[in-house]
Amino acid sequence: MDRLKTFIEKETGKDSKGHFRATEKGAGMTQKGVDAYNRKTGGNLKTAVTGKVKPGSKDAKRRKSFCARSAGQMKMFPKAAKDPNSRLRQARRRWKC
C-alpha cells in the first residue's frame, strides 16, 4: 500500500498525474496508473474487470475474487458500506459486484 501512496500528493490527497479514478467515476486505478506502478515495482497489476466475461474465464475468476474480498471490506467498514458514494461502493459498482 505504501507504494501506491507515492503516486498521490500527500498535502492535498489528490492525484495530479491521472493514476487514480475519481470516486464518482468508479474509484480504482487508471490504466496509466497501473502501467506506472508496474514499471516502478516490477509488479503485474491489472485494471478492473468491467465488461462481459465468459463464466470460468480468468477475468471472471478475478472479478469473483475481488467481489469476495471487497464484501469482507464492507463488513469491516460498515460506515463505507452504508454510503453509496464511498470509494468502496463505487469500486464494487465498477467491478459489477
C-alpha atoms as a PDB file:
ATOM      1  CA  MET A   1       0.000   0.000   0.000  1.00  0.00           C
ATOM      2  CA  ASP A   2       2.893   2.350   0.674  1.00  0.00           C
ATOM      3  CA  ARG A   3       3.958   2.065  -2.942  1.00  0.00           C
ATOM      4  CA  LEU A   4       0.566   3.301  -4.121  1.00  0.00           C
ATOM      5  CA  LYS A   5       0.772   6.307  -1.824  1.00  0.00           C
ATOM      6  CA  THR A   6       3.829   7.545  -3.693  1.00  0.00           C
ATOM      7  CA  PHE A   7       1.552   8.342  -6.634  1.00  0.00           C
ATOM      8  CA  ILE A   8      -0.742  10.544  -4.567  1.00  0.00           C
ATOM      9  CA  GLU A   9       0.160  14.039  -3.456  1.00  0.00           C
ATOM     10  CA  LYS A  10       0.226  13.888   0.334  1.00  0.00           C
ATOM     11  CA  GLU A  11      -0.720  17.506   1.042  1.00  0.00           C
ATOM     12  CA  THR A  12      -3.908  17.641  -0.999  1.00  0.00           C
ATOM     13  CA  GLY A  13      -4.815  13.972  -1.173  1.00  0.00           C
ATOM     14  CA  LYS A  14      -5.393  14.405  -4.912  1.00  0.00           C
ATOM     15  CA  ASP A  15      -3.805  12.609  -7.827  1.00  0.00           C
ATOM     16  CA  SER A  16      -2.278  15.137 -10.207  1.00  0.00           C
ATOM     17  CA  LYS A  17      -0.846  12.521 -12.567  1.00  0.00           C
ATOM     18  CA  GLY A  18      -4.066  10.782 -13.553  1.00  0.00           C
ATOM     19  CA  HIS A  19      -3.201   7.461 -11.911  1.00  0.00           C
ATOM     20  CA  PHE A  20      -6.436   7.142  -9.956  1.00  0.00           C
ATOM     21  CA  ARG A  21     -10.069   7.447 -10.973  1.00  0.00           C
ATOM     22  CA  ALA A  22     -12.267   9.902  -9.126  1.00  0.00           C
ATOM     23  CA  THR A  23     -14.750   8.350  -6.708  1.00  0.00           C
ATOM     24  CA  GLU A  24     -17.660   9.497  -8.867  1.00  0.00           C
ATOM     25  CA  LYS A  25     -16.165   7.676 -11.840  1.00  0.00           C
ATOM     26  CA  GLY A  26     -15.815   4.343 -10.076  1.00  0.00           C
ATOM     27  CA  ALA A  27     -12.669   4.729  -7.948  1.00  0.00           C
ATOM     28  CA  GLY A  28      -9.624   2.498  -8.550  1.00  0.00           C
ATOM     29  CA  MET A  29      -6.556   2.928 -10.716  1.00  0.00           C
ATOM     30  CA  THR A  30      -6.477   4.010 -14.346  1.00  0.00           C
ATOM     31  CA  GLN A  31      -4.542   2.124 -16.993  1.00  0.00           C
ATOM     32  CA  LYS A  32      -1.930   4.884 -16.833  1.00  0.00           C
ATOM     33  CA  GLY A  33      -1.611   4.382 -13.073  1.00  0.00           C
ATOM     34  CA  VAL A  34      -1.332   0.611 -13.398  1.00  0.00           C
ATOM     35  CA  ASP A  35       1.391   0.964 -16.042  1.00  0.00           C
ATOM     36  CA  ALA A  36       3.332   3.417 -13.865  1.00  0.00           C
ATOM     37  CA  TYR A  37       3.020   1.164 -10.810  1.00  0.00           C
ATOM     38  CA  ASN A  38       4.155  -1.908 -12.754  1.00  0.00           C
ATOM     39  CA  ARG A  39       7.137  -0.024 -14.214  1.00  0.00           C
ATOM     40  CA  LYS A  40       8.219   1.222 -10.815  1.00  0.00           C
ATOM     41  CA  THR A  41       7.751  -2.011  -8.852  1.00  0.00           C
ATOM     42  CA  GLY A  42       8.073  -4.742 -11.450  1.00  0.00           C
ATOM     43  CA  GLY A  43       4.556  -5.806 -10.471  1.00  0.00           C
ATOM     44  CA  ASN A  44       1.784  -7.320 -12.538  1.00  0.00           C
ATOM     45  CA  LEU A  45      -1.284  -5.280 -11.582  1.00  0.00           C
ATOM     46  CA  LYS A  46      -4.268  -5.209 -13.892  1.00  0.00           C
ATOM     47  CA  THR A  47      -7.207  -2.825 -14.125  1.00  0.00           C
ATOM     48  CA  ALA A  48     -10.773  -3.652 -13.119  1.00  0.00           C
ATOM     49  CA  VAL A  49     -12.792  -6.260 -14.992  1.00  0.00           C
ATOM     50  CA  THR A  50     -15.680  -4.147 -16.249  1.00  0.00           C
ATOM     51  CA  GLY A  51     -17.011  -5.844 -19.378  1.00  0.00           C
ATOM     52  CA  LYS A  52     -18.842  -9.080 -20.061  1.00  0.00           C
ATOM     53  CA  VAL A  53     -16.809 -12.201 -19.358  1.00  0.00           C
ATOM     54  CA  LYS A  54     -17.258 -15.881 -20.066  1.00  0.00           C
ATOM     55  CA  PRO A  55     -18.086 -17.909 -16.948  1.00  0.00           C
ATOM     56  CA  GLY A  56     -14.971 -19.633 -15.627  1.00  0.00           C
ATOM     57  CA  SER A  57     -12.535 -17.416 -17.547  1.00  0.00           C
ATOM     58  CA  LYS A  58      -9.538 -15.774 -15.853  1.00  0.00           C
ATOM     59  CA  ASP A  59     -11.330 -12.428 -15.806  1.00  0.00           C
ATOM     60  CA  ALA A  60     -14.435 -13.994 -14.281  1.00  0.00           C
ATOM     61  CA  LYS A  61     -12.279 -15.510 -11.536  1.00  0.00           C
ATOM     62  CA  ARG A  62     -10.568 -12.150 -10.902  1.00  0.00           C
ATOM     63  CA  ARG A  63     -13.962 -10.484 -10.598  1.00  0.00           C
ATOM     64  CA  LYS A  64     -15.252 -13.172  -8.250  1.00  0.00           C
ATOM     65  CA  SER A  65     -12.130 -12.846  -6.099  1.00  0.00           C
ATOM     66  CA  PHE A  66     -12.341  -9.037  -5.947  1.00  0.00           C
ATOM     67  CA  CYS A  67     -16.036  -9.162  -5.090  1.00  0.00           C
ATOM     68  CA  ALA A  68     -15.375 -11.635  -2.277  1.00  0.00           C
ATOM     69  CA  ARG A  69     -12.537  -9.513  -0.860  1.00  0.00           C
ATOM     70  CA  SER A  70     -14.484  -6.288  -1.102  1.00  0.00           C
ATOM     71  CA  ALA A  71     -17.507  -7.925   0.546  1.00  0.00           C
ATOM     72  CA  GLY A  72     -15.215  -8.538   3.519  1.00  0.00           C
ATOM     73  CA  GLN A  73     -14.248  -4.864   3.484  1.00  0.00           C
ATOM     74  CA  MET A  74     -17.937  -3.955   3.553  1.00  0.00           C
ATOM     75  CA  LYS A  75     -18.215  -5.913   6.816  1.00  0.00           C
ATOM     76  CA  MET A  76     -15.062  -4.326   8.263  1.00  0.00           C
ATOM     77  CA  PHE A  77     -16.112  -0.778   7.333  1.00  0.00           C
ATOM     78  CA  PRO A  78     -19.873  -0.507   7.860  1.00  0.00           C
ATOM     79  CA  LYS A  79     -19.762   3.279   7.527  1.00  0.00           C
ATOM     80  CA  ALA A  80     -18.391   2.970   3.976  1.00  0.00           C
ATOM     81  CA  ALA A  81     -20.826   0.146   3.233  1.00  0.00           C
ATOM     82  CA  LYS A  82     -23.792   2.389   4.071  1.00  0.00           C
ATOM     83  CA  ASP A  83     -22.577   5.331   1.984  1.00  0.00           C
ATOM     84  CA  PRO A  84     -23.448   4.776  -1.704  1.00  0.00           C
ATOM     85  CA  ASN A  85     -20.786   7.339  -2.703  1.00  0.00           C
ATOM     86  CA  SER A  86     -17.876   5.738  -0.825  1.00  0.00           C
ATOM     87  CA  ARG A  87     -14.855   4.571  -2.829  1.00  0.00           C
ATOM     88  CA  LEU A  88     -15.569   1.003  -1.746  1.00  0.00           C
ATOM     89  CA  ARG A  89     -19.145   1.046  -3.059  1.00  0.00           C
ATOM     90  CA  GLN A  90     -18.158   2.852  -6.249  1.00  0.00           C
ATOM     91  CA  ALA A  91     -15.374   0.341  -6.951  1.00  0.00           C
ATOM     92  CA  ARG A  92     -17.758  -2.569  -6.363  1.00  0.00           C
ATOM     93  CA  ARG A  93     -20.230  -0.995  -8.770  1.00  0.00           C
ATOM     94  CA  ARG A  94     -17.485  -0.597 -11.389  1.00  0.00           C
ATOM     95  CA  TRP A  95     -16.455  -4.246 -10.994  1.00  0.00           C
ATOM     96  CA  LYS A  96     -20.162  -5.225 -11.243  1.00  0.00           C
ATOM     97  CA  CYS A  97     -20.245  -6.949  -7.861  1.00  0.00           C
END
